[in-house]
Protein backbone atom coordinates (compact mmCIF):
# COMPACT_ATOMS: atom_id res chain seq x y z
CA UNK A 1 87.43 95.88 115.82
CA UNK A 2 91.13 95.29 115.21
CA UNK A 3 92.71 94.91 111.77
CA UNK A 4 93.98 91.35 111.33
CA UNK A 5 97.48 90.68 109.98
CA UNK A 6 96.34 88.07 107.46
CA UNK A 7 95.15 87.62 103.88
CA UNK A 8 92.35 85.82 102.08
CA UNK A 9 92.60 83.53 99.06
CA UNK A 10 90.31 81.28 97.04
CA UNK A 11 91.08 77.69 98.03
CA UNK A 12 91.32 74.50 96.01
CA UNK A 13 89.55 71.40 97.33
CA UNK A 14 92.27 69.20 95.86
CA UNK A 15 95.22 71.24 97.14
CA UNK A 16 94.04 73.01 100.28
CA UNK A 17 91.57 70.61 101.85
CA UNK A 18 93.98 69.58 104.59
CA UNK A 19 94.15 73.20 105.75
CA UNK A 20 90.38 73.59 105.40
CA UNK A 21 89.89 70.48 107.55
CA UNK A 22 92.33 71.79 110.14
CA UNK A 23 90.23 74.92 110.78
CA UNK A 24 86.87 73.21 110.64
CA UNK A 25 88.00 70.40 112.90
CA UNK A 26 89.17 72.83 115.60
CA UNK A 27 86.07 75.04 115.43
CA UNK A 28 83.25 72.59 114.81
CA UNK A 29 84.46 69.16 115.97
CA UNK A 30 86.66 70.11 118.93
CA UNK A 31 85.12 73.39 120.10
CA UNK A 32 81.44 72.81 119.27
CA UNK A 33 81.42 69.00 119.61
CA UNK A 34 79.84 68.41 116.20
CA UNK A 35 80.33 64.77 115.08
CA UNK A 36 83.09 64.32 112.52
CA UNK A 37 80.80 62.47 110.12
CA UNK A 38 78.33 65.39 110.20
CA UNK A 39 80.91 68.11 109.68
CA UNK A 40 82.54 66.64 106.58
CA UNK A 41 80.26 65.57 103.72
CA UNK A 42 80.33 64.77 100.01
CA UNK A 43 79.28 68.33 99.12
CA UNK A 44 82.78 69.63 99.90
CA UNK A 45 84.16 68.33 96.60
CA UNK A 46 81.67 70.44 94.60
CA UNK A 47 81.90 73.68 96.59
CA UNK A 48 83.90 76.86 96.15
CA UNK A 49 86.16 77.21 99.20
CA UNK A 50 87.90 80.21 100.78
CA UNK A 51 90.80 80.34 103.21
CA UNK A 52 92.30 83.06 105.37
CA UNK A 53 95.95 82.62 106.35
CA UNK A 54 98.09 84.45 108.87
CA UNK A 55 101.46 86.06 108.16
CA UNK A 56 103.18 82.67 108.49
CA UNK A 57 100.83 81.06 105.94
CA UNK A 58 98.93 79.09 108.58
CA UNK A 59 95.17 78.60 107.98
CA UNK A 60 93.00 80.54 110.42
CA UNK A 61 89.53 80.70 108.83
CA UNK A 62 87.46 79.15 106.06
CA UNK A 63 84.01 78.91 104.50
CA UNK A 64 82.41 77.31 101.46
CA UNK A 65 79.79 78.20 98.85
CA UNK A 66 77.86 75.52 96.99
CA UNK A 67 77.20 75.85 93.23
CA UNK A 68 73.56 76.59 94.08
CA UNK A 69 74.52 79.41 96.42
CA UNK A 70 74.33 77.85 99.86
CA UNK A 71 76.89 79.33 102.23
CA UNK A 72 78.25 77.13 104.98
CA UNK A 73 81.06 75.93 107.22
CA UNK A 74 81.99 79.50 108.19
CA UNK A 75 84.76 78.96 110.74
CA UNK A 76 87.28 81.33 112.36
CA UNK A 77 89.81 80.13 114.92
CA UNK A 78 89.04 81.42 118.41
CA UNK A 79 92.07 83.72 118.74
CA UNK A 80 91.25 85.45 115.43
CA UNK A 81 87.63 86.35 116.14
CA UNK A 82 86.58 89.97 116.41
CA UNK A 83 89.29 91.11 113.98
CA UNK A 84 87.30 91.37 110.74
CA UNK A 85 88.28 87.91 109.47
CA UNK A 86 84.71 86.63 109.21
CA UNK A 87 83.64 89.80 107.41
CA UNK A 88 86.38 89.25 104.83
CA UNK A 89 85.23 85.69 104.24
CA UNK A 90 81.61 86.69 103.83
CA UNK A 91 82.45 89.49 101.37
CA UNK A 92 84.50 87.05 99.29
CA UNK A 93 81.67 84.52 99.20
CA UNK A 94 79.12 87.18 98.21
CA UNK A 95 81.38 88.45 95.41
CA UNK A 96 81.90 84.89 94.18
CA UNK A 97 78.15 84.29 94.10
CA UNK A 98 77.63 87.45 92.03
CA UNK A 99 80.39 86.44 89.62
CA UNK A 100 78.72 83.04 89.23
CA UNK A 101 75.50 84.80 88.23
CA UNK A 102 73.61 83.71 91.33
CA UNK A 103 70.77 85.90 92.56
CA UNK A 104 70.37 84.36 96.03
CA UNK A 105 72.60 83.14 98.84
CA UNK A 106 71.10 80.93 101.53
CA UNK A 107 72.56 79.60 104.76
CA UNK A 108 71.67 77.88 108.00
CA UNK A 109 73.18 80.31 110.49
CA UNK A 110 73.89 79.45 114.08
CA UNK A 111 71.46 81.55 116.08
CA UNK A 112 74.22 83.31 118.02
CA UNK A 113 75.75 84.49 114.72
CA UNK A 114 72.49 85.77 113.22
CA UNK A 115 73.36 89.44 113.83
CA UNK A 116 76.62 89.02 111.94
CA UNK A 117 74.79 87.94 108.79
CA UNK A 118 72.04 90.53 109.16
CA UNK A 119 74.65 93.30 108.91
CA UNK A 120 75.24 92.14 105.34
CA UNK A 121 71.56 92.12 104.43
CA UNK A 122 70.60 88.52 105.16
CA UNK A 123 67.02 88.05 106.40
CA UNK A 124 65.59 85.21 108.47
CA UNK A 125 63.16 82.75 106.92
CA UNK A 126 60.80 80.46 108.82
CA UNK A 127 61.18 79.15 112.33
CA UNK A 128 64.41 78.34 114.10
CA UNK A 129 65.56 74.73 114.30
CA UNK A 130 68.29 72.58 115.78
CA UNK A 131 71.14 71.20 113.70
CA UNK A 132 73.77 68.95 115.30
CA UNK A 133 72.23 69.99 118.62
CA UNK A 134 72.87 73.72 117.99
CA UNK A 135 70.07 76.33 117.45
CA UNK A 136 70.01 77.52 113.82
CA UNK A 137 68.04 79.91 111.64
CA UNK A 138 67.56 79.71 107.87
CA UNK A 139 68.61 82.99 106.22
CA UNK A 140 68.63 84.40 102.69
CA UNK A 141 70.36 87.26 100.85
CA UNK A 142 68.96 88.54 97.55
CA UNK A 143 71.65 89.60 95.07
CA UNK A 144 71.23 91.92 92.13
CA UNK A 145 72.09 89.93 88.98
CA UNK A 146 75.51 90.79 87.62
CA UNK A 147 74.07 91.45 84.16
CA UNK A 148 71.67 94.00 85.58
CA UNK A 149 74.51 95.67 87.47
CA UNK A 150 76.57 95.92 84.28
CA UNK A 151 73.67 97.33 82.28
CA UNK A 152 73.07 99.94 84.95
CA UNK A 153 76.71 101.00 84.83
CA UNK A 154 76.65 101.23 81.05
CA UNK A 155 73.56 103.41 81.08
CA UNK A 156 75.15 105.97 83.40
CA UNK A 157 78.56 106.26 81.76
CA UNK A 158 79.58 109.66 80.54
CA UNK A 159 80.58 110.74 77.03
CA UNK A 160 84.08 109.68 75.95
CA UNK A 161 86.88 112.09 76.77
CA UNK A 162 89.88 112.51 74.47
CA UNK A 163 93.20 111.29 75.85
CA UNK A 164 95.57 113.84 77.39
CA UNK A 165 99.36 113.59 77.29
CA UNK A 166 101.26 113.27 80.57
CA UNK A 167 104.83 114.49 80.92
CA UNK A 168 105.59 114.89 84.64
CA UNK A 169 105.32 112.95 87.88
CA UNK A 170 102.91 115.54 89.21
CA UNK A 171 100.49 115.27 86.28
CA UNK A 172 100.66 111.46 86.37
CA UNK A 173 99.94 111.42 90.11
CA UNK A 174 96.99 113.79 89.71
CA UNK A 175 95.49 111.69 86.90
CA UNK A 176 96.01 108.42 88.82
CA UNK A 177 94.25 109.85 91.86
CA UNK A 178 91.31 110.95 89.70
CA UNK A 179 90.98 107.44 88.27
CA UNK A 180 90.85 105.99 91.78
CA UNK A 181 88.25 108.51 92.89
CA UNK A 182 86.10 107.81 89.80
CA UNK A 183 86.15 104.02 90.23
CA UNK A 184 82.87 102.33 91.11
CA UNK A 185 83.88 98.87 92.34
CA UNK A 186 87.17 97.89 90.72
CA UNK A 187 90.69 99.19 90.14
CA UNK A 188 93.39 97.25 88.28
CA UNK A 189 97.08 98.16 88.52
CA UNK A 190 99.87 96.71 86.38
CA UNK A 191 103.30 97.70 87.69
CA UNK A 192 106.86 96.45 87.85
CA UNK A 193 107.43 97.27 91.51
CA UNK A 194 104.58 99.55 92.68
CA UNK A 195 106.76 102.54 91.86
CA UNK A 196 107.18 104.35 95.19
CA UNK A 197 107.44 107.79 93.55
CA UNK A 198 103.88 107.31 92.32
CA UNK A 199 102.12 104.73 94.51
CA UNK A 200 103.94 105.72 97.67
CA UNK A 201 102.39 109.19 97.74
CA UNK A 202 100.16 109.91 100.72
CA UNK A 203 97.30 111.45 98.71
CA UNK A 204 97.08 108.47 96.37
CA UNK A 205 97.21 105.93 99.19
CA UNK A 206 94.46 107.83 101.00
CA UNK A 207 92.32 107.82 97.84
CA UNK A 208 92.71 104.02 97.59
CA UNK A 209 91.83 103.67 101.26
CA UNK A 210 88.66 105.74 100.90
CA UNK A 211 87.70 103.81 97.77
CA UNK A 212 87.80 100.49 99.63
CA UNK A 213 86.24 101.71 102.86
CA UNK A 214 83.45 103.45 100.96
CA UNK A 215 82.29 100.31 99.14
CA UNK A 216 82.22 96.90 100.77
CA UNK A 217 82.24 95.32 97.28
CA UNK A 218 85.35 97.21 96.20
CA UNK A 219 88.29 95.33 94.69
CA UNK A 220 91.86 96.40 93.95
CA UNK A 221 93.71 93.90 91.75
CA UNK A 222 97.44 94.43 91.39
CA UNK A 223 99.94 92.68 89.12
CA UNK A 224 103.53 93.19 90.31
CA UNK A 225 106.35 91.91 88.14
CA UNK A 226 109.09 92.19 90.78
CA UNK A 227 107.47 91.70 94.22
CA UNK A 228 110.81 90.80 95.83
CA UNK A 229 111.87 94.43 95.44
CA UNK A 230 109.18 95.40 97.98
CA UNK A 231 110.95 93.50 100.74
CA UNK A 232 113.46 96.25 101.28
CA UNK A 233 111.09 99.16 101.80
CA UNK A 234 108.04 100.07 103.84
CA UNK A 235 105.50 100.57 101.08
CA UNK A 236 102.19 102.32 101.93
CA UNK A 237 100.21 100.25 99.41
CA UNK A 238 101.55 97.03 100.92
CA UNK A 239 100.66 98.26 104.42
CA UNK A 240 97.16 99.21 103.24
CA UNK A 241 96.69 95.78 101.64
CA UNK A 242 97.81 94.22 104.93
CA UNK A 243 95.21 96.17 106.88
CA UNK A 244 92.42 95.56 104.35
CA UNK A 245 93.19 92.07 103.00
CA UNK A 246 89.70 91.31 101.68
CA UNK A 247 89.86 94.25 99.25
CA UNK A 248 93.32 93.74 97.76
CA UNK A 249 94.51 90.88 95.54
CA UNK A 250 98.13 90.81 94.35
CA UNK A 251 99.54 88.43 91.76
CA UNK A 252 102.88 87.96 90.02
CA UNK A 253 103.19 86.84 86.37
CA UNK A 254 104.46 83.34 85.63
CA UNK A 255 105.16 83.73 81.91
CA UNK A 256 108.45 85.22 80.69
CA UNK A 257 106.74 87.55 78.22
CA UNK A 258 104.55 88.98 80.99
CA UNK A 259 107.53 89.49 83.27
CA UNK A 260 109.28 91.40 80.48
CA UNK A 261 106.30 93.62 79.67
CA UNK A 262 107.86 97.12 79.75
CA UNK A 263 104.80 99.29 80.25
CA UNK A 264 102.68 100.19 83.27
CA UNK A 265 99.04 101.17 83.56
CA UNK A 266 96.05 101.60 85.84
CA UNK A 267 92.39 101.22 84.83
CA UNK A 268 89.09 101.52 86.65
CA UNK A 269 85.59 100.23 85.89
CA UNK A 270 84.39 103.57 84.54
CA UNK A 271 86.38 103.24 81.29
CA UNK A 272 89.17 105.38 82.69
CA UNK A 273 92.80 104.52 82.07
CA UNK A 274 96.37 105.77 82.42
CA UNK A 275 99.12 104.22 80.31
CA UNK A 276 102.90 104.68 80.44
CA UNK A 277 104.88 103.09 77.64
CA UNK A 278 107.86 102.59 79.96
CA UNK A 279 107.05 101.77 83.56
CA UNK A 280 110.09 103.65 84.90
CA UNK A 281 109.08 106.91 83.22
CA UNK A 282 106.18 109.26 83.79
CA UNK A 283 105.28 110.38 80.31
CA UNK A 284 102.17 108.74 78.93
CA UNK A 285 98.50 109.44 78.31
CA UNK A 286 95.21 109.09 80.15
CA UNK A 287 91.49 109.71 80.00
CA UNK A 288 88.74 109.48 82.64
CA UNK A 289 86.47 107.84 80.04
CA UNK A 290 87.71 106.45 76.75
CA UNK A 291 86.44 102.92 76.03
CA UNK A 292 88.50 102.52 72.85
CA UNK A 293 91.74 102.84 74.86
CA UNK A 294 90.42 101.25 78.04
CA UNK A 295 89.19 98.01 76.44
CA UNK A 296 92.54 96.63 75.17
CA UNK A 297 94.18 97.40 78.52
CA UNK A 298 91.37 95.59 80.32
CA UNK A 299 91.82 92.58 78.05
CA UNK A 300 95.60 92.61 78.57
CA UNK A 301 95.19 92.79 82.34
CA UNK A 302 92.68 89.93 82.41
CA UNK A 303 94.89 87.78 80.16
CA UNK A 304 97.92 88.20 82.40
CA UNK A 305 95.87 87.94 85.61
CA UNK A 306 94.46 84.55 84.63
CA UNK A 307 97.91 83.09 84.07
CA UNK A 308 99.57 84.68 87.10
CA UNK A 309 100.00 83.24 90.58
CA UNK A 310 99.21 84.53 94.05
CA UNK A 311 102.18 86.56 95.20
CA UNK A 312 104.66 84.20 96.89
CA UNK A 313 106.20 87.21 98.58
CA UNK A 314 103.09 87.54 100.80
CA UNK A 315 104.91 85.87 103.63
CA UNK A 316 107.87 88.23 103.39
CA UNK A 317 105.50 91.18 103.09
CA UNK A 318 103.46 90.04 106.13
CA UNK A 319 100.28 89.89 104.04
């Protein structure tokens, strides 16, 4: 399987439906000869939609998830198949279902795509049937409730560890790598420009790569205050995000106070954190497990993340 040069984003029915229609029309109406009135229905307005775009921001794939957890309209343009695009879409839909608190995802899969879904744990239910003249099979995926997942994590967390001062690049790099290696499913990075001295180091990039490849539900969320600065350098984190677009989400703050935030930090979902008061310096403090310090950084990250936008520099960065 090749690595596609593209990126995935949640889509808005109101804003992105023209692009969603473009993909679905080519795949289902033109290629598979499904009637237009069958392909597009009233359910679209209520669904959660996902889009994959190429490096030039053109739509190349889409799918939708109903509020009840029914997955459908999974479509990838012909020239993009076999490059991991469908896998990225399916992971995004599964993660969305978990975040919505759903415990089950159902779908009517085209029979020729049944193996694709089975790789993710879907199981067939009942007899096959025809839909729009195409053989289909009802399938179902059972999800562990998010609350149960969180309780399980809390029960296995270790005793708090006192914070340790950091004074050098080397000690900061070592601590950052340990936080990545200790992460379960999520890593959050707040940085001005993905400081190359730190995030450009081969060992750290490799740790991030192994984190994502070792967990199909992994997520790396990055807030970059000055993404334009990345245009003028080949950055390993950017290249990794390009190769693994379903695992990396990058946003840029919209509010002036967030853009002027002077500090930098990284947190994981094991209550580990590393904080630098000034993002252009390497003195700071960290702990692999200290909820009292981790919690306010988590809240700060979530606050800024919710009022930030998808990185407009994606096109320039070929993401």
